[in-house]
Amino acid sequence: MRRGEASRGDVAVGHAVPRRLPWTILLDAFLVSSLAAQSALPAFPGSTRAAGLGGAGAALVGDAGAVFANPAAIATVHRLALDGSYEQYLGGTTFGAGALALRLGRFDWGVGAQALADASFSRADLLGVSSFVLRAGVIALGASAKYARQQLGGVTADAWAGDAGLALAVFDIMAPGVSVQNIGGDLGGGSHLPRRTRAGFTMNYVDPQGSYRLLTTVEGQWPDTGSAFVVVGLEAGVVTHRVGLLGRTGYVGHSLATAASPFTFGGTVELGRFHLDYAHRALGGAAGDTHRFGLRWTP
């Protein structure tokens, strides 16, 4: 199974020769075909917050990291948003990501980059994306251009692709969102970036500008290979005088069998305009757990 077809816990890295390779083989019976086909990078959640919610992102609006899931989801950024994250992944590999979103009148522009490097930092898979969004009332239409460079069987391959997205942000109450990812993306030799269609719905049950927070998000994902699956996330907490704590959890369905836990957990320390994020997922067996750390800034 390729990386974009289910969830990040289902596959390992395509470009490195990890020290934990036997553990990763046990983690997913389809690893061998994944290593031969492509990198794990395209399906990493766009932000640490999204990772804590099971990887949902199609309708998770207002974060700069949304450029990796649905370009239209950055439409609710008020002025500027920044997002960065870091994670030690399987076999000593390291994942890092950064994104920026900016409001420009009736338009929004976003840019982001992700990298997945081997233990020596001598090789890395790279993904860059730039998004443009048009807003018309509560409707936002977005498009992204992206460039990916990956190591395929020791050979460097690259590809250009595009994403398209739609979001309807009804004030701060709810937001449905739909995106189609990796349109194009031919890496050559029969390999391509994994096409994926996502449709989600996020609901705030209390005013997110108040002291209490309660949010749910539900998302369906349709990979180009494998069956459709569902991601469900819950976020709740208390923020007083712009300082507080949030907790979140998610459930991740799978296209195919995997040893990774279907549950994710995370949280945020709110410090005014700064949001310190954390996300955790158990991969099962000797592969251990993943811990992702992030920082968001919304001036």
C-alpha atoms as a PDB file:
ATOM      1  CA  MET A   1       0.000   0.000   0.000  1.00  0.00           C
ATOM      2  CA  ARG A   2       1.358   3.435  -0.857  1.00  0.00           C
ATOM      3  CA  ARG A   3       1.682   6.136   1.738  1.00  0.00           C
ATOM      4  CA  GLY A   4      -1.145   8.361   0.648  1.00  0.00           C
ATOM      5  CA  GLU A   5      -3.676   5.582   0.502  1.00  0.00           C
ATOM      6  CA  ALA A   6      -4.602   5.249   4.123  1.00  0.00           C
ATOM      7  CA  SER A   7      -2.728   6.939   6.898  1.00  0.00           C
ATOM      8  CA  ARG A   8       0.823   7.782   7.888  1.00  0.00           C
ATOM      9  CA  GLY A   9       1.114   4.831  10.277  1.00  0.00           C
ATOM     10  CA  ASP A  10       0.549   2.352   7.436  1.00  0.00           C
ATOM     11  CA  VAL A  11       3.905   2.762   5.663  1.00  0.00           C
ATOM     12  CA  ALA A  12       7.508   3.682   6.213  1.00  0.00           C
ATOM     13  CA  VAL A  13      10.025   5.888   4.429  1.00  0.00           C
ATOM     14  CA  GLY A  14      10.839   5.198   0.801  1.00  0.00           C
ATOM     15  CA  HIS A  15      14.259   6.821   0.550  1.00  0.00           C
ATOM     16  CA  ALA A  16      16.291   5.619   3.538  1.00  0.00           C
ATOM     17  CA  VAL A  17      17.650   2.273   4.723  1.00  0.00           C
ATOM     18  CA  PRO A  18      16.381   2.533   8.301  1.00  0.00           C
ATOM     19  CA  ARG A  19      17.888   0.770  11.259  1.00  0.00           C
ATOM     20  CA  ARG A  20      14.388  -0.382  12.218  1.00  0.00           C
ATOM     21  CA  LEU A  21      13.563  -1.847   8.815  1.00  0.00           C
ATOM     22  CA  PRO A  22      12.592  -5.282  10.162  1.00  0.00           C
ATOM     23  CA  TRP A  23      10.246  -3.623  12.660  1.00  0.00           C
ATOM     24  CA  THR A  24       8.645  -1.599   9.919  1.00  0.00           C
ATOM     25  CA  ILE A  25       8.088  -4.723   7.833  1.00  0.00           C
ATOM     26  CA  LEU A  26       6.180  -6.196  10.730  1.00  0.00           C
ATOM     27  CA  LEU A  27       4.207  -2.965  11.070  1.00  0.00           C
ATOM     28  CA  ASP A  28       2.737  -3.229   7.607  1.00  0.00           C
ATOM     29  CA  ALA A  29       2.601  -6.271   5.348  1.00  0.00           C
ATOM     30  CA  PHE A  30       2.546  -4.000   2.331  1.00  0.00           C
ATOM     31  CA  LEU A  31       5.770  -2.175   3.137  1.00  0.00           C
ATOM     32  CA  VAL A  32       7.871  -3.732   0.389  1.00  0.00           C
ATOM     33  CA  SER A  33       5.667  -2.370  -2.387  1.00  0.00           C
ATOM     34  CA  SER A  34       5.564   1.013  -0.654  1.00  0.00           C
ATOM     35  CA  LEU A  35       9.355   1.242  -0.474  1.00  0.00           C
ATOM     36  CA  ALA A  36       9.587   0.499  -4.163  1.00  0.00           C
ATOM     37  CA  ALA A  37       6.865   2.945  -5.143  1.00  0.00           C
ATOM     38  CA  GLN A  38       7.245   6.244  -3.306  1.00  0.00           C
ATOM     39  CA  SER A  39       8.014   8.246  -0.202  1.00  0.00           C
ATOM     40  CA  ALA A  40       5.828   8.503   2.877  1.00  0.00           C
ATOM     41  CA  LEU A  41       6.004  12.306   2.706  1.00  0.00           C
ATOM     42  CA  PRO A  42       2.857  13.261   0.723  1.00  0.00           C
ATOM     43  CA  ALA A  43       0.464  11.887   3.350  1.00  0.00           C
ATOM     44  CA  PHE A  44       1.919  13.380   6.532  1.00  0.00           C
ATOM     45  CA  PRO A  45      -0.746  15.537   8.235  1.00  0.00           C
ATOM     46  CA  GLY A  46      -0.295  19.187   7.338  1.00  0.00           C
ATOM     47  CA  SER A  47       0.079  20.372  10.932  1.00  0.00           C
ATOM     48  CA  THR A  48       0.605  19.011  14.434  1.00  0.00           C
ATOM     49  CA  ARG A  49      -2.953  20.010  15.270  1.00  0.00           C
ATOM     50  CA  ALA A  50      -4.254  17.970  12.334  1.00  0.00           C
ATOM     51  CA  ALA A  51      -2.067  15.017  13.383  1.00  0.00           C
ATOM     52  CA  GLY A  52      -3.712  15.024  16.812  1.00  0.00           C
ATOM     53  CA  LEU A  53      -7.113  14.920  15.118  1.00  0.00           C
ATOM     54  CA  GLY A  54      -6.272  11.770  13.200  1.00  0.00           C
ATOM     55  CA  GLY A  55      -4.927  13.589  10.149  1.00  0.00           C
ATOM     56  CA  ALA A  56      -8.209  15.299   9.250  1.00  0.00           C
ATOM     57  CA  GLY A  57      -7.664  18.506   7.307  1.00  0.00           C
ATOM     58  CA  ALA A  58     -10.177  19.047   4.506  1.00  0.00           C
ATOM     59  CA  ALA A  59     -12.454  21.124   6.749  1.00  0.00           C
ATOM     60  CA  LEU A  60      -9.980  22.238   9.421  1.00  0.00           C
ATOM     61  CA  VAL A  61      -9.965  25.918   8.456  1.00  0.00           C
ATOM     62  CA  GLY A  62      -7.867  28.833   9.646  1.00  0.00           C
ATOM     63  CA  ASP A  63      -4.425  27.217  10.048  1.00  0.00           C
ATOM     64  CA  ALA A  64      -1.493  27.842   7.714  1.00  0.00           C
ATOM     65  CA  GLY A  65      -0.797  24.095   7.634  1.00  0.00           C
ATOM     66  CA  ALA A  66      -4.106  23.622   5.799  1.00  0.00           C
ATOM     67  CA  VAL A  67      -2.251  24.318   2.524  1.00  0.00           C
ATOM     68  CA  PHE A  68      -1.138  20.675   2.630  1.00  0.00           C
ATOM     69  CA  ALA A  69      -4.707  19.293   2.871  1.00  0.00           C
ATOM     70  CA  ASN A  70      -7.118  21.788   1.283  1.00  0.00           C
ATOM     71  CA  PRO A  71      -5.950  25.107  -0.188  1.00  0.00           C
ATOM     72  CA  ALA A  72      -9.366  26.693   0.400  1.00  0.00           C
ATOM     73  CA  ALA A  73      -9.092  26.040   4.156  1.00  0.00           C
ATOM     74  CA  ILE A  74      -6.716  28.992   4.645  1.00  0.00           C
ATOM     75  CA  ALA A  75      -9.568  31.369   3.672  1.00  0.00           C
ATOM     76  CA  THR A  76     -10.470  32.140   7.306  1.00  0.00           C
ATOM     77  CA  VAL A  77      -6.988  33.373   8.233  1.00  0.00           C
ATOM     78  CA  HIS A  78      -7.620  36.886   9.596  1.00  0.00           C
ATOM     79  CA  ARG A  79      -4.325  38.511   8.596  1.00  0.00           C
ATOM     80  CA  LEU A  80      -1.330  36.211   8.833  1.00  0.00           C
ATOM     81  CA  ALA A  81      -0.720  32.691  10.103  1.00  0.00           C
ATOM     82  CA  LEU A  82       2.507  30.739  10.552  1.00  0.00           C
ATOM     83  CA  ASP A  83       2.869  27.028  11.316  1.00  0.00           C
ATOM     84  CA  GLY A  84       5.897  24.823  11.937  1.00  0.00           C
ATOM     85  CA  SER A  85       6.313  21.232  13.115  1.00  0.00           C
ATOM     86  CA  TYR A  86       8.964  18.598  13.821  1.00  0.00           C
ATOM     87  CA  GLU A  87       8.887  14.835  14.323  1.00  0.00           C
ATOM     88  CA  GLN A  88      11.327  11.955  14.722  1.00  0.00           C
ATOM     89  CA  TYR A  89       9.900   9.265  12.450  1.00  0.00           C
ATOM     90  CA  LEU A  90      10.799   5.617  11.811  1.00  0.00           C
ATOM     91  CA  GLY A  91      14.387   4.419  11.533  1.00  0.00           C
ATOM     92  CA  GLY A  92      15.940   7.653  12.729  1.00  0.00           C
ATOM     93  CA  THR A  93      14.376   9.684   9.933  1.00  0.00           C
ATOM     94  CA  THR A  94      13.281  13.253  10.658  1.00  0.00           C
ATOM     95  CA  PHE A  95      10.208  15.092   9.414  1.00  0.00           C
ATOM     96  CA  GLY A  96       9.875  18.863   9.353  1.00  0.00           C
ATOM     97  CA  ALA A  97       7.279  21.235   7.917  1.00  0.00           C
ATOM     98  CA  GLY A  98       6.551  24.937   7.725  1.00  0.00           C
ATOM     99  CA  ALA A  99       3.704  26.977   6.259  1.00  0.00           C
ATOM    100  CA  LEU A 100       2.576  30.581   5.915  1.00  0.00           C
ATOM    101  CA  ALA A 101      -0.855  31.978   4.998  1.00  0.00           C
ATOM    102  CA  LEU A 102      -1.658  35.611   4.244  1.00  0.00           C
ATOM    103  CA  ARG A 103      -4.933  37.442   3.586  1.00  0.00           C
ATOM    104  CA  LEU A 104      -4.872  39.822   0.616  1.00  0.00           C
ATOM    105  CA  GLY A 105      -8.252  41.547   0.328  1.00  0.00           C
ATOM    106  CA  ARG A 106     -10.680  39.052  -1.219  1.00  0.00           C
ATOM    107  CA  PHE A 107      -7.826  36.640  -1.790  1.00  0.00           C
ATOM    108  CA  ASP A 108      -5.547  34.460   0.311  1.00  0.00           C
ATOM    109  CA  TRP A 109      -2.096  33.180  -0.484  1.00  0.00           C
ATOM    110  CA  GLY A 110      -0.289  30.327   1.200  1.00  0.00           C
ATOM    111  CA  VAL A 111       3.047  28.596   0.889  1.00  0.00           C
ATOM    112  CA  GLY A 112       4.472  25.534   2.604  1.00  0.00           C
ATOM    113  CA  ALA A 113       7.346  23.057   2.552  1.00  0.00           C
ATOM    114  CA  GLN A 114       7.886  19.594   4.021  1.00  0.00           C
ATOM    115  CA  ALA A 115      11.017  17.452   4.251  1.00  0.00           C
ATOM    116  CA  LEU A 116      11.671  13.871   5.332  1.00  0.00           C
ATOM    117  CA  ALA A 117      15.407  13.290   5.847  1.00  0.00           C
ATOM    118  CA  ASP A 118      17.383  10.150   6.609  1.00  0.00           C
ATOM    119  CA  ALA A 119      19.338   9.713   9.827  1.00  0.00           C
ATOM    120  CA  SER A 120      22.480  11.333   8.413  1.00  0.00           C
ATOM    121  CA  PHE A 121      20.584  14.217   6.771  1.00  0.00           C
ATOM    122  CA  SER A 122      22.449  13.360   3.556  1.00  0.00           C
ATOM    123  CA  ARG A 123      19.259  12.610   1.613  1.00  0.00           C
ATOM    124  CA  ALA A 124      15.749  13.976   1.908  1.00  0.00           C
ATOM    125  CA  ASP A 125      12.387  13.800   0.189  1.00  0.00           C
ATOM    126  CA  LEU A 126      11.000  17.288  -0.369  1.00  0.00           C
ATOM    127  CA  LEU A 127       7.566  18.762  -1.002  1.00  0.00           C
ATOM    128  CA  GLY A 128       6.787  22.405  -1.724  1.00  0.00           C
ATOM    129  CA  VAL A 129       3.351  23.938  -2.254  1.00  0.00           C
ATOM    130  CA  SER A 130       1.929  27.355  -3.110  1.00  0.00           C
ATOM    131  CA  SER A 131      -1.806  28.063  -2.821  1.00  0.00           C
ATOM    132  CA  PHE A 132      -4.133  30.796  -4.035  1.00  0.00           C
ATOM    133  CA  VAL A 133      -7.686  31.264  -2.716  1.00  0.00           C
ATOM    134  CA  LEU A 134     -10.629  33.366  -3.902  1.00  0.00           C
ATOM    135  CA  ARG A 135     -13.325  34.222  -1.348  1.00  0.00           C
ATOM    136  CA  ALA A 136     -16.930  35.096  -2.236  1.00  0.00           C
ATOM    137  CA  GLY A 137     -19.026  35.443   0.910  1.00  0.00           C
ATOM    138  CA  VAL A 138     -18.773  32.199   2.860  1.00  0.00           C
ATOM    139  CA  ILE A 139     -17.521  30.315  -0.202  1.00  0.00           C
ATOM    140  CA  ALA A 140     -13.800  29.860  -0.817  1.00  0.00           C
ATOM    141  CA  LEU A 141     -12.239  28.273  -3.890  1.00  0.00           C
ATOM    142  CA  GLY A 142      -8.581  27.318  -3.767  1.00  0.00           C
ATOM    143  CA  ALA A 143      -5.909  25.859  -6.016  1.00  0.00           C
ATOM    144  CA  SER A 144      -2.347  24.766  -5.276  1.00  0.00           C
ATOM    145  CA  ALA A 145       0.726  24.044  -7.333  1.00  0.00           C
ATOM    146  CA  LYS A 146       3.217  21.662  -5.765  1.00  0.00           C
ATOM    147  CA  TYR A 147       6.628  20.234  -6.488  1.00  0.00           C
ATOM    148  CA  ALA A 148       7.854  16.925  -5.063  1.00  0.00           C
ATOM    149  CA  ARG A 149      11.334  15.385  -5.121  1.00  0.00           C
ATOM    150  CA  GLN A 150      11.731  11.810  -3.933  1.00  0.00           C
ATOM    151  CA  GLN A 151      14.271   9.002  -3.812  1.00  0.00           C
ATOM    152  CA  LEU A 152      12.882   6.010  -5.714  1.00  0.00           C
ATOM    153  CA  GLY A 153      15.093   2.935  -5.497  1.00  0.00           C
ATOM    154  CA  GLY A 154      18.187   5.077  -5.083  1.00  0.00           C
ATOM    155  CA  VAL A 155      17.254   7.312  -8.041  1.00  0.00           C
ATOM    156  CA  THR A 156      16.037  10.871  -7.599  1.00  0.00           C
ATOM    157  CA  ALA A 157      12.676  11.574  -9.232  1.00  0.00           C
ATOM    158  CA  ASP A 158      10.579  14.709  -9.224  1.00  0.00           C
ATOM    159  CA  ALA A 159       7.100  15.751 -10.264  1.00  0.00           C
ATOM    160  CA  TRP A 160       4.737  18.706 -10.508  1.00  0.00           C
ATOM    161  CA  ALA A 161       1.155  18.349  -9.348  1.00  0.00           C
ATOM    162  CA  GLY A 162      -1.849  20.383  -8.269  1.00  0.00           C
ATOM    163  CA  ASP A 163      -4.568  20.409  -5.617  1.00  0.00           C
ATOM    164  CA  ALA A 164      -8.061  21.891  -5.841  1.00  0.00           C
ATOM    165  CA  GLY A 165     -10.319  22.702  -2.896  1.00  0.00           C
ATOM    166  CA  LEU A 166     -13.612  24.176  -1.759  1.00  0.00           C
ATOM    167  CA  ALA A 167     -14.570  25.371   1.735  1.00  0.00           C
ATOM    168  CA  LEU A 168     -17.670  27.042   3.162  1.00  0.00           C
ATOM    169  CA  ALA A 169     -16.827  28.806   6.419  1.00  0.00           C
ATOM    170  CA  VAL A 170     -20.100  29.775   8.121  1.00  0.00           C
ATOM    171  CA  PHE A 171     -18.777  32.362  10.578  1.00  0.00           C
ATOM    172  CA  ASP A 172     -16.989  30.460  13.385  1.00  0.00           C
ATOM    173  CA  ILE A 173     -19.727  27.843  13.637  1.00  0.00           C
ATOM    174  CA  MET A 174     -19.107  25.222  10.984  1.00  0.00           C
ATOM    175  CA  ALA A 175     -17.132  24.537   7.836  1.00  0.00           C
ATOM    176  CA  PRO A 176     -17.578  21.817   5.220  1.00  0.00           C
ATOM    177  CA  GLY A 177     -14.601  21.304   2.918  1.00  0.00           C
ATOM    178  CA  VAL A 178     -13.640  19.204  -0.104  1.00  0.00           C
ATOM    179  CA  SER A 179     -10.283  18.757  -1.820  1.00  0.00           C
ATOM    180  CA  VAL A 180      -8.669  16.686  -4.554  1.00  0.00           C
ATOM    181  CA  GLN A 181      -4.942  16.183  -4.065  1.00  0.00           C
ATOM    182  CA  ASN A 182      -2.072  15.416  -6.406  1.00  0.00           C
ATOM    183  CA  ILE A 183      -3.665  16.010  -9.781  1.00  0.00           C
ATOM    184  CA  GLY A 184      -0.890  14.992 -12.145  1.00  0.00           C
ATOM    185  CA  GLY A 185       2.276  14.169 -10.212  1.00  0.00           C
ATOM    186  CA  ASP A 186       3.953  11.725 -12.610  1.00  0.00           C
ATOM    187  CA  LEU A 187       7.290  10.636 -11.095  1.00  0.00           C
ATOM    188  CA  GLY A 188       8.189   8.465 -14.083  1.00  0.00           C
ATOM    189  CA  GLY A 189       8.689   4.718 -14.279  1.00  0.00           C
ATOM    190  CA  GLY A 190       5.022   4.109 -13.519  1.00  0.00           C
ATOM    191  CA  SER A 191       5.150   5.917 -10.147  1.00  0.00           C
ATOM    192  CA  HIS A 192       3.074   8.945  -9.270  1.00  0.00           C
ATOM    193  CA  LEU A 193       2.081  11.022  -6.281  1.00  0.00           C
ATOM    194  CA  PRO A 194      -0.933   9.371  -4.603  1.00  0.00           C
ATOM    195  CA  ARG A 195      -4.228  10.906  -5.748  1.00  0.00           C
ATOM    196  CA  ARG A 196      -6.665  11.417  -2.879  1.00  0.00           C
ATOM    197  CA  THR A 197     -10.114  12.978  -2.564  1.00  0.00           C
ATOM    198  CA  ARG A 198     -11.169  14.321   0.838  1.00  0.00           C
ATOM    199  CA  ALA A 199     -14.499  15.611   2.124  1.00  0.00           C
ATOM    200  CA  GLY A 200     -14.955  16.825   5.699  1.00  0.00           C
ATOM    201  CA  PHE A 201     -17.159  18.763   8.081  1.00  0.00           C
ATOM    202  CA  THR A 202     -15.996  20.697  11.159  1.00  0.00           C
ATOM    203  CA  MET A 203     -18.373  21.967  13.838  1.00  0.00           C
ATOM    204  CA  ASN A 204     -17.800  24.362  16.750  1.00  0.00           C
ATOM    205  CA  TYR A 205     -20.383  23.773  19.482  1.00  0.00           C
ATOM    206  CA  VAL A 206     -19.404  26.866  21.469  1.00  0.00           C
ATOM    207  CA  ASP A 207     -18.052  30.264  20.452  1.00  0.00           C
ATOM    208  CA  PRO A 208     -14.291  29.707  19.864  1.00  0.00           C
ATOM    209  CA  GLN A 209     -13.669  33.314  20.900  1.00  0.00           C
ATOM    210  CA  GLY A 210     -15.003  32.542  24.385  1.00  0.00           C
ATOM    211  CA  SER A 211     -13.483  30.664  27.311  1.00  0.00           C
ATOM    212  CA  TYR A 212     -14.547  27.173  26.293  1.00  0.00           C
ATOM    213  CA  ARG A 213     -13.677  25.191  23.176  1.00  0.00           C
ATOM    214  CA  LEU A 214     -15.499  22.185  21.764  1.00  0.00           C
ATOM    215  CA  LEU A 215     -14.962  21.100  18.172  1.00  0.00           C
ATOM    216  CA  THR A 216     -15.489  17.954  16.125  1.00  0.00           C
ATOM    217  CA  THR A 217     -14.347  17.138  12.623  1.00  0.00           C
ATOM    218  CA  VAL A 218     -15.373  14.210  10.433  1.00  0.00           C
ATOM    219  CA  GLU A 219     -13.675  13.414   7.143  1.00  0.00           C
ATOM    220  CA  GLY A 220     -13.967  10.799   4.442  1.00  0.00           C
ATOM    221  CA  GLN A 221     -10.954   9.986   2.290  1.00  0.00           C
ATOM    222  CA  TRP A 222     -10.902   8.199  -1.050  1.00  0.00           C
ATOM    223  CA  PRO A 223      -7.373   7.119  -2.113  1.00  0.00           C
ATOM    224  CA  ASP A 224      -6.658   6.186  -5.718  1.00  0.00           C
ATOM    225  CA  THR A 225      -5.873   2.630  -4.599  1.00  0.00           C
ATOM    226  CA  GLY A 226      -7.604   0.886  -1.717  1.00  0.00           C
ATOM    227  CA  SER A 227     -10.958   1.420  -0.078  1.00  0.00           C
ATOM    228  CA  ALA A 228     -12.361   4.637   1.363  1.00  0.00           C
ATOM    229  CA  PHE A 229     -12.022   5.301   5.087  1.00  0.00           C
ATOM    230  CA  VAL A 230     -13.137   7.776   7.744  1.00  0.00           C
ATOM    231  CA  VAL A 231     -11.239  10.084  10.106  1.00  0.00           C
ATOM    232  CA  VAL A 232     -12.960  11.515  13.200  1.00  0.00           C
ATOM    233  CA  GLY A 233     -11.501  14.129  15.559  1.00  0.00           C
ATOM    234  CA  LEU A 234     -12.490  15.851  18.806  1.00  0.00           C
ATOM    235  CA  GLU A 235     -10.944  18.967  20.371  1.00  0.00           C
ATOM    236  CA  ALA A 236     -11.926  20.546  23.711  1.00  0.00           C
ATOM    237  CA  GLY A 237     -10.464  22.832  26.326  1.00  0.00           C
ATOM    238  CA  VAL A 238     -10.548  26.050  28.317  1.00  0.00           C
ATOM    239  CA  VAL A 239      -8.877  29.366  27.449  1.00  0.00           C
ATOM    240  CA  THR A 240      -9.054  32.340  29.814  1.00  0.00           C
ATOM    241  CA  HIS A 241      -7.441  35.688  29.061  1.00  0.00           C
ATOM    242  CA  ARG A 242      -5.876  34.048  25.993  1.00  0.00           C
ATOM    243  CA  VAL A 243      -4.070  31.420  28.102  1.00  0.00           C
ATOM    244  CA  GLY A 244      -5.290  27.850  28.379  1.00  0.00           C
ATOM    245  CA  LEU A 245      -5.102  24.165  27.530  1.00  0.00           C
ATOM    246  CA  LEU A 246      -6.728  22.148  24.773  1.00  0.00           C
ATOM    247  CA  GLY A 247      -6.860  18.390  24.364  1.00  0.00           C
ATOM    248  CA  ARG A 248      -7.660  16.452  21.216  1.00  0.00           C
ATOM    249  CA  THR A 249      -8.050  12.917  19.979  1.00  0.00           C
ATOM    250  CA  GLY A 250      -8.735  11.280  16.650  1.00  0.00           C
ATOM    251  CA  TYR A 251      -9.760   8.001  15.104  1.00  0.00           C
ATOM    252  CA  VAL A 252      -8.201   6.924  11.794  1.00  0.00           C
ATOM    253  CA  GLY A 253      -9.730   4.310   9.524  1.00  0.00           C
ATOM    254  CA  HIS A 254      -7.574   2.350   7.066  1.00  0.00           C
ATOM    255  CA  SER A 255      -7.823   1.185   3.480  1.00  0.00           C
ATOM    256  CA  LEU A 256      -5.879  -1.968   4.349  1.00  0.00           C
ATOM    257  CA  ALA A 257      -4.745  -3.782   7.505  1.00  0.00           C
ATOM    258  CA  THR A 258      -2.071  -2.132   9.650  1.00  0.00           C
ATOM    259  CA  ALA A 259      -0.521  -2.590  13.080  1.00  0.00           C
ATOM    260  CA  ALA A 260      -0.660   1.131  13.821  1.00  0.00           C
ATOM    261  CA  SER A 261      -3.124   2.270  16.463  1.00  0.00           C
ATOM    262  CA  PRO A 262      -6.303   3.773  15.002  1.00  0.00           C
ATOM    263  CA  PHE A 263      -6.260   6.437  17.729  1.00  0.00           C
ATOM    264  CA  THR A 264      -4.253   9.644  17.950  1.00  0.00           C
ATOM    265  CA  PHE A 265      -3.892  12.051  20.853  1.00  0.00           C
ATOM    266  CA  GLY A 266      -2.626  15.576  21.251  1.00  0.00           C
ATOM    267  CA  GLY A 267      -3.010  18.936  22.872  1.00  0.00           C
ATOM    268  CA  THR A 268      -2.165  22.621  22.760  1.00  0.00           C
ATOM    269  CA  VAL A 269      -0.857  25.133  25.258  1.00  0.00           C
ATOM    270  CA  GLU A 270      -2.446  28.474  24.374  1.00  0.00           C
ATOM    271  CA  LEU A 271      -0.251  31.502  25.062  1.00  0.00           C
ATOM    272  CA  GLY A 272      -1.948  34.459  23.440  1.00  0.00           C
ATOM    273  CA  ARG A 273      -1.139  34.409  19.728  1.00  0.00           C
ATOM    274  CA  PHE A 274       1.214  31.449  20.168  1.00  0.00           C
ATOM    275  CA  HIS A 275      -0.089  27.867  20.124  1.00  0.00           C
ATOM    276  CA  LEU A 276       2.274  25.090  21.257  1.00  0.00           C
ATOM    277  CA  ASP A 277       1.014  21.817  19.780  1.00  0.00           C
ATOM    278  CA  TYR A 278       1.742  18.146  20.421  1.00  0.00           C
ATOM    279  CA  ALA A 279       0.489  14.950  18.748  1.00  0.00           C
ATOM    280  CA  HIS A 280       1.083  11.254  19.492  1.00  0.00           C
ATOM    281  CA  ARG A 281       0.351   7.990  17.733  1.00  0.00           C
ATOM    282  CA  ALA A 282       1.415   4.426  18.551  1.00  0.00           C
ATOM    283  CA  LEU A 283       2.655   2.554  15.479  1.00  0.00           C
ATOM    284  CA  GLY A 284       2.560  -0.860  17.098  1.00  0.00           C
ATOM    285  CA  GLY A 285       5.177  -3.521  17.794  1.00  0.00           C
ATOM    286  CA  ALA A 286       8.836  -2.567  18.006  1.00  0.00           C
ATOM    287  CA  ALA A 287       8.285   0.462  15.756  1.00  0.00           C
ATOM    288  CA  GLY A 288       7.272   2.378  18.870  1.00  0.00           C
ATOM    289  CA  ASP A 289       5.410   5.674  18.980  1.00  0.00           C
ATOM    290  CA  THR A 290       5.606   8.941  17.083  1.00  0.00           C
ATOM    291  CA  HIS A 291       5.716  12.307  18.819  1.00  0.00           C
ATOM    292  CA  ARG A 292       5.151  15.468  16.817  1.00  0.00           C
ATOM    293  CA  PHE A 293       5.722  18.992  18.100  1.00  0.00           C
ATOM    294  CA  GLY A 294       4.474  22.186  16.519  1.00  0.00           C
ATOM    295  CA  LEU A 295       4.190  25.924  16.904  1.00  0.00           C
ATOM    296  CA  ARG A 296       1.483  28.135  15.399  1.00  0.00           C
ATOM    297  CA  TRP A 297       1.440  31.925  15.429  1.00  0.00           C
ATOM    298  CA  THR A 298      -1.618  33.984  14.490  1.00  0.00           C
ATOM    299  CA  PRO A 299      -0.929  37.714  14.979  1.00  0.00           C
END
